[in-house]
């Protein structure tokens, strides 16, 4: 199963390292990643594969949201099919 992770907030050192460190620890593979900084605001979108991961999807959603709060960002994880449905024009 694929998921979409979005990250948004004020830029600071270590954002990618924190998020990628969590994903690696959970056995979640990053398939694609794009990030940019616009006037000191950091945005990142990741496509991840959670097929071989060790835990429940809901726990990942909660853990990533908590990680975001800990480092002052908004981090969301959605199932790829839900993300695509929400963003159809």
N, C-alpha and C. Protein backbone atom coordinates (compact mmCIF):
# COMPACT_ATOMS: atom_id res chain seq x y z
N UNK A 1 0.84 -1.17 0.00
CA UNK A 1 0.00 0.00 0.00
C UNK A 1 0.89 1.24 0.00
N UNK A 2 0.50 2.24 -0.76
CA UNK A 2 1.25 3.49 -0.80
C UNK A 2 0.54 4.56 0.03
N UNK A 3 1.35 5.47 0.56
CA UNK A 3 0.83 6.59 1.31
C UNK A 3 1.47 7.87 0.83
N UNK A 4 0.79 8.99 1.12
CA UNK A 4 1.31 10.31 0.79
C UNK A 4 1.54 11.05 2.10
N UNK A 5 2.75 11.52 2.30
CA UNK A 5 3.08 12.32 3.48
C UNK A 5 3.30 13.74 3.04
N UNK A 6 2.64 14.68 3.72
CA UNK A 6 2.87 16.10 3.47
C UNK A 6 3.43 16.73 4.75
N UNK A 7 4.37 17.63 4.55
CA UNK A 7 5.02 18.32 5.67
C UNK A 7 5.02 19.81 5.36
N UNK A 8 4.61 20.62 6.32
CA UNK A 8 4.53 22.06 6.11
C UNK A 8 4.89 22.80 7.39
N UNK A 9 5.68 23.85 7.26
CA UNK A 9 6.00 24.67 8.42
C UNK A 9 7.20 25.56 8.16
N UNK A 10 7.59 26.27 9.20
CA UNK A 10 8.76 27.14 9.11
C UNK A 10 10.01 26.27 8.92
N UNK A 11 10.88 26.70 8.04
CA UNK A 11 12.10 25.95 7.77
C UNK A 11 13.01 25.96 8.99
N UNK A 12 13.65 24.83 9.22
CA UNK A 12 14.65 24.71 10.26
C UNK A 12 15.56 23.53 9.93
N UNK A 13 16.68 23.46 10.55
CA UNK A 13 17.64 22.39 10.32
C UNK A 13 17.07 21.06 10.83
N UNK A 14 17.22 20.01 10.03
CA UNK A 14 16.93 18.66 10.48
C UNK A 14 15.54 18.12 10.18
N UNK A 15 14.72 18.85 9.45
CA UNK A 15 13.36 18.39 9.17
C UNK A 15 13.39 17.06 8.41
N UNK A 16 14.10 17.03 7.31
CA UNK A 16 14.13 15.82 6.50
C UNK A 16 14.74 14.67 7.29
N UNK A 17 15.78 14.95 8.05
CA UNK A 17 16.42 13.91 8.85
C UNK A 17 15.46 13.31 9.86
N UNK A 18 14.68 14.14 10.54
CA UNK A 18 13.71 13.64 11.54
C UNK A 18 12.66 12.76 10.89
N UNK A 19 12.06 13.24 9.81
CA UNK A 19 10.99 12.49 9.15
C UNK A 19 11.54 11.20 8.57
N UNK A 20 12.66 11.27 7.86
CA UNK A 20 13.24 10.08 7.25
C UNK A 20 13.73 9.09 8.30
N UNK A 21 14.23 9.59 9.41
CA UNK A 21 14.66 8.72 10.51
C UNK A 21 13.50 7.92 11.06
N UNK A 22 12.36 8.58 11.24
CA UNK A 22 11.17 7.87 11.72
C UNK A 22 10.76 6.80 10.71
N UNK A 23 10.68 7.17 9.44
CA UNK A 23 10.24 6.23 8.41
C UNK A 23 11.17 5.02 8.34
N UNK A 24 12.45 5.26 8.38
CA UNK A 24 13.44 4.19 8.32
C UNK A 24 13.26 3.24 9.51
N UNK A 25 13.07 3.80 10.68
CA UNK A 25 12.90 3.00 11.88
C UNK A 25 11.66 2.11 11.83
N UNK A 26 10.67 2.52 11.04
CA UNK A 26 9.43 1.76 10.93
C UNK A 26 9.40 0.85 9.70
N UNK A 27 10.48 0.84 8.93
CA UNK A 27 10.54 0.00 7.74
C UNK A 27 9.69 0.51 6.59
N UNK A 28 9.48 1.82 6.56
CA UNK A 28 8.68 2.45 5.51
C UNK A 28 9.63 2.98 4.43
N UNK A 29 9.42 2.53 3.19
CA UNK A 29 10.30 2.90 2.09
C UNK A 29 9.81 4.18 1.41
N UNK A 30 10.71 5.10 1.15
CA UNK A 30 10.39 6.33 0.42
C UNK A 30 10.54 6.04 -1.07
N UNK A 31 9.46 6.20 -1.82
CA UNK A 31 9.48 5.97 -3.26
C UNK A 31 9.81 7.24 -4.04
N UNK A 32 9.34 8.37 -3.55
CA UNK A 32 9.58 9.65 -4.23
C UNK A 32 9.48 10.74 -3.18
N UNK A 33 10.26 11.80 -3.38
CA UNK A 33 10.27 12.91 -2.43
C UNK A 33 10.52 14.21 -3.18
N UNK A 34 9.80 15.24 -2.78
CA UNK A 34 10.01 16.57 -3.34
C UNK A 34 9.88 17.56 -2.19
N UNK A 35 10.80 18.49 -2.13
CA UNK A 35 10.72 19.51 -1.09
C UNK A 35 11.16 20.85 -1.65
N UNK A 36 10.63 21.88 -1.06
CA UNK A 36 11.02 23.23 -1.46
C UNK A 36 10.89 24.16 -0.27
N UNK A 37 11.59 25.27 -0.35
CA UNK A 37 11.49 26.31 0.66
C UNK A 37 11.09 27.58 -0.05
N UNK A 38 10.01 28.19 0.41
CA UNK A 38 9.51 29.44 -0.16
C UNK A 38 9.44 30.46 0.96
N UNK A 39 10.27 31.47 0.89
CA UNK A 39 10.32 32.53 1.88
C UNK A 39 10.30 32.00 3.31
N UNK A 40 11.20 31.07 3.60
CA UNK A 40 11.41 30.48 4.91
C UNK A 40 10.33 29.49 5.34
N UNK A 41 9.44 29.11 4.41
CA UNK A 41 8.45 28.07 4.70
C UNK A 41 8.84 26.80 3.96
N UNK A 42 8.91 25.72 4.71
CA UNK A 42 9.31 24.42 4.20
C UNK A 42 8.08 23.62 3.80
N UNK A 43 8.11 23.04 2.61
CA UNK A 43 7.05 22.12 2.18
C UNK A 43 7.71 20.87 1.60
N UNK A 44 7.10 19.73 1.91
CA UNK A 44 7.62 18.48 1.38
C UNK A 44 6.45 17.53 1.15
N UNK A 45 6.56 16.78 0.08
CA UNK A 45 5.60 15.71 -0.20
C UNK A 45 6.40 14.46 -0.50
N UNK A 46 5.95 13.36 0.08
CA UNK A 46 6.64 12.09 -0.09
C UNK A 46 5.62 11.03 -0.48
N UNK A 47 6.02 10.16 -1.38
CA UNK A 47 5.23 8.97 -1.66
C UNK A 47 5.99 7.83 -1.00
N UNK A 48 5.31 7.09 -0.14
CA UNK A 48 5.96 6.04 0.62
C UNK A 48 5.24 4.70 0.42
N UNK A 49 6.00 3.64 0.58
CA UNK A 49 5.45 2.28 0.50
C UNK A 49 5.40 1.71 1.90
N UNK A 50 4.19 1.46 2.39
CA UNK A 50 4.05 0.92 3.74
C UNK A 50 3.66 -0.56 3.73
N UNK A 51 3.78 -1.19 2.57
CA UNK A 51 3.41 -2.60 2.43
C UNK A 51 4.15 -3.50 3.40
N UNK A 52 5.45 -3.32 3.54
CA UNK A 52 6.26 -4.19 4.39
C UNK A 52 6.51 -3.61 5.77
N UNK A 53 5.80 -2.56 6.14
CA UNK A 53 6.02 -1.94 7.43
C UNK A 53 5.43 -2.81 8.54
N UNK A 54 5.82 -2.52 9.76
CA UNK A 54 5.54 -3.41 10.87
C UNK A 54 4.30 -3.06 11.68
N UNK A 55 3.63 -1.99 11.38
CA UNK A 55 2.54 -1.57 12.27
C UNK A 55 1.30 -1.13 11.51
N UNK A 56 0.34 -0.67 12.26
CA UNK A 56 -0.96 -0.24 11.79
C UNK A 56 -0.89 1.16 11.17
N UNK A 57 -1.61 1.38 10.08
CA UNK A 57 -1.61 2.66 9.38
C UNK A 57 -1.99 3.81 10.31
N UNK A 58 -3.00 3.58 11.13
CA UNK A 58 -3.48 4.63 12.05
C UNK A 58 -2.38 5.06 13.00
N UNK A 59 -1.58 4.12 13.46
CA UNK A 59 -0.48 4.49 14.36
C UNK A 59 0.52 5.38 13.66
N UNK A 60 0.80 5.09 12.38
CA UNK A 60 1.72 5.94 11.63
C UNK A 60 1.17 7.36 11.49
N UNK A 61 -0.12 7.47 11.22
CA UNK A 61 -0.76 8.79 11.11
C UNK A 61 -0.56 9.56 12.42
N UNK A 62 -0.84 8.90 13.53
CA UNK A 62 -0.72 9.54 14.84
C UNK A 62 0.73 9.88 15.18
N UNK A 63 1.63 8.94 14.93
CA UNK A 63 3.05 9.18 15.22
C UNK A 63 3.61 10.35 14.43
N UNK A 64 3.27 10.41 13.14
CA UNK A 64 3.79 11.50 12.30
C UNK A 64 3.19 12.84 12.72
N UNK A 65 1.92 12.86 13.08
CA UNK A 65 1.31 14.11 13.58
C UNK A 65 2.01 14.55 14.87
N UNK A 66 2.30 13.61 15.76
CA UNK A 66 3.00 13.93 17.01
C UNK A 66 4.42 14.41 16.74
N UNK A 67 5.11 13.78 15.81
CA UNK A 67 6.45 14.23 15.43
C UNK A 67 6.38 15.66 14.90
N UNK A 68 5.38 15.94 14.10
CA UNK A 68 5.21 17.29 13.59
C UNK A 68 5.03 18.30 14.70
N UNK A 69 4.20 17.98 15.68
CA UNK A 69 3.99 18.90 16.80
C UNK A 69 5.29 19.11 17.57
N UNK A 70 6.04 18.03 17.74
CA UNK A 70 7.30 18.08 18.48
C UNK A 70 8.30 19.02 17.82
N UNK A 71 8.30 19.08 16.49
CA UNK A 71 9.29 19.91 15.79
C UNK A 71 8.66 21.14 15.14
N UNK A 72 7.40 21.43 15.46
CA UNK A 72 6.77 22.67 15.02
C UNK A 72 6.29 22.65 13.58
N UNK A 73 5.85 21.49 13.09
CA UNK A 73 5.39 21.36 11.71
C UNK A 73 4.04 20.66 11.67
N UNK A 74 3.41 20.70 10.52
CA UNK A 74 2.22 19.91 10.28
C UNK A 74 2.64 18.76 9.38
N UNK A 75 2.48 17.53 9.88
CA UNK A 75 2.82 16.34 9.10
C UNK A 75 1.57 15.47 9.01
N UNK A 76 1.19 15.16 7.79
CA UNK A 76 0.01 14.33 7.55
C UNK A 76 0.37 13.15 6.67
N UNK A 77 -0.24 12.02 6.97
CA UNK A 77 -0.11 10.82 6.16
C UNK A 77 -1.50 10.40 5.72
N UNK A 78 -1.65 10.17 4.43
CA UNK A 78 -2.93 9.70 3.88
C UNK A 78 -2.66 8.52 2.96
N UNK A 79 -3.64 7.65 2.85
CA UNK A 79 -3.55 6.57 1.87
C UNK A 79 -3.56 7.21 0.48
N UNK A 80 -2.81 6.64 -0.43
CA UNK A 80 -2.69 7.21 -1.78
C UNK A 80 -4.04 7.33 -2.46
N UNK A 81 -4.90 6.32 -2.34
CA UNK A 81 -6.19 6.37 -3.02
C UNK A 81 -7.08 7.48 -2.46
N UNK A 82 -7.03 7.70 -1.15
CA UNK A 82 -7.81 8.77 -0.53
C UNK A 82 -7.26 10.13 -0.97
N UNK A 83 -5.95 10.27 -0.96
CA UNK A 83 -5.31 11.52 -1.38
C UNK A 83 -5.72 11.85 -2.82
N UNK A 84 -5.64 10.87 -3.70
CA UNK A 84 -6.00 11.11 -5.10
C UNK A 84 -7.47 11.48 -5.24
N UNK A 85 -8.34 10.84 -4.50
CA UNK A 85 -9.78 11.15 -4.57
C UNK A 85 -10.06 12.58 -4.10
N UNK A 86 -9.34 13.00 -3.06
CA UNK A 86 -9.56 14.35 -2.50
C UNK A 86 -9.04 15.44 -3.43
N UNK A 87 -8.09 15.12 -4.30
CA UNK A 87 -7.46 16.15 -5.11
C UNK A 87 -7.83 16.06 -6.58
N UNK A 88 -8.91 15.38 -6.89
CA UNK A 88 -9.42 15.37 -8.27
C UNK A 88 -10.15 16.67 -8.53
N UNK A 89 -10.00 17.15 -9.73
CA UNK A 89 -10.70 18.39 -10.10
C UNK A 89 -11.98 18.03 -10.81
